[in-house]
Amino acid sequence: MAEGVNVRFSGVLKRFVEQRSCADGIYGSASEYIRDLVRRDFEREENRRWDFLRNELKAGMESDRGDFVPLEGRDIIDEAKRRRNLR
């Protein structure tokens, strides 16, 4: 079940939303317009995350096969922390 969220605009933003959602506008209501904006933003973020994952996997697949290096769990955790701190 959908829950309501109230959003208030004033000034130029209010007029802009009204233009987009009036009878001659692209959307039938301000709610339709805002839903579409949020949906597009959600899809962009989802695509960005998938692109990141694909790039990480691609780099791993294209890397040299090299020799097997045994790692301890602590090594993996330390490396993950190091990478996180580089961001």
Protein backbone atom coordinates (compact mmCIF):
# COMPACT_ATOMS: atom_id res chain seq x y z
CA MET A 1 0.00 0.00 0.00
CA ALA A 2 1.37 3.41 -0.95
CA GLU A 3 2.08 5.93 1.75
CA GLY A 4 1.69 9.64 1.17
CA VAL A 5 4.52 12.15 1.31
CA ASN A 6 3.81 15.85 1.25
CA VAL A 7 6.18 18.14 -0.63
CA ARG A 8 5.89 21.92 -0.68
CA PHE A 9 7.35 24.20 -3.33
CA SER A 10 7.34 27.95 -3.51
CA GLY A 11 8.27 30.59 -6.03
CA VAL A 12 9.90 29.55 -9.25
CA LEU A 13 9.92 25.85 -8.34
CA LYS A 14 6.18 25.88 -7.68
CA ARG A 15 5.51 27.53 -11.03
CA PHE A 16 7.79 25.07 -12.78
CA VAL A 17 5.97 22.06 -11.28
CA GLU A 18 2.63 23.63 -12.15
CA GLN A 19 3.73 24.13 -15.78
CA ARG A 20 4.76 20.50 -16.05
CA SER A 21 1.53 19.23 -14.53
CA CYS A 22 -1.13 21.53 -15.96
CA ALA A 23 -3.64 20.51 -18.64
CA ASP A 24 -1.19 21.50 -21.39
CA GLY A 25 1.79 20.04 -19.54
CA ILE A 26 3.42 16.66 -19.89
CA TYR A 27 1.94 15.22 -16.68
CA GLY A 28 -1.65 15.10 -15.48
CA SER A 29 -0.82 16.14 -11.93
CA ALA A 30 2.04 17.33 -9.75
CA SER A 31 2.03 13.89 -8.09
CA GLU A 32 2.62 12.16 -11.43
CA TYR A 33 5.49 14.52 -12.18
CA ILE A 34 7.17 14.02 -8.79
CA ARG A 35 6.68 10.22 -8.96
CA ASP A 36 8.33 10.18 -12.38
CA LEU A 37 11.28 12.25 -11.12
CA VAL A 38 11.80 9.97 -8.14
CA ARG A 39 11.45 6.84 -10.29
CA ARG A 40 14.05 8.14 -12.77
CA ASP A 41 16.44 9.07 -9.96
CA PHE A 42 16.00 5.60 -8.45
CA GLU A 43 16.72 3.96 -11.82
CA ARG A 44 19.80 6.15 -12.34
CA GLU A 45 21.17 5.15 -8.94
CA GLU A 46 20.41 1.49 -9.58
CA ASN A 47 22.16 1.66 -12.96
CA ARG A 48 25.14 3.43 -11.39
CA ARG A 49 25.51 0.59 -8.87
CA TRP A 50 25.23 -2.09 -11.55
CA ASP A 51 27.82 -0.26 -13.68
CA PHE A 52 30.19 -0.17 -10.73
CA LEU A 53 29.73 -3.90 -10.13
CA ARG A 54 30.20 -4.69 -13.84
CA ASN A 55 33.41 -2.65 -13.95
CA GLU A 56 34.76 -4.38 -10.86
CA LEU A 57 33.96 -7.80 -12.31
CA LYS A 58 35.39 -6.85 -15.70
CA ALA A 59 38.66 -5.75 -14.11
CA GLY A 60 38.89 -9.06 -12.29
CA MET A 61 38.10 -11.08 -15.40
CA GLU A 62 40.67 -9.20 -17.49
CA SER A 63 43.47 -9.39 -14.92
CA ASP A 64 46.36 -11.78 -15.36
CA ARG A 65 45.78 -15.18 -13.87
CA GLY A 66 48.96 -14.92 -11.75
CA ASP A 67 49.95 -17.33 -9.02
CA PHE A 68 47.62 -18.38 -6.26
CA VAL A 69 48.23 -16.36 -3.11
CA PRO A 70 46.82 -17.78 0.10
CA LEU A 71 45.08 -15.16 2.22
CA GLU A 72 43.86 -15.10 5.76
CA GLY A 73 40.45 -13.65 6.58
CA ARG A 74 42.15 -10.80 8.43
CA ASP A 75 44.06 -9.87 5.24
CA ILE A 76 40.80 -9.54 3.31
CA ILE A 77 39.21 -7.41 6.03
CA ASP A 78 42.27 -5.14 6.24
CA GLU A 79 42.31 -4.67 2.46
CA ALA A 80 38.59 -3.81 2.43
CA LYS A 81 39.14 -1.21 5.16
CA ARG A 82 42.09 0.26 3.26
CA ARG A 83 40.03 0.58 0.08
CA ARG A 84 37.10 2.11 1.95
CA ASN A 85 39.40 4.76 3.44
CA LEU A 86 40.67 5.68 -0.04
CA ARG A 87 37.20 6.81 -1.17
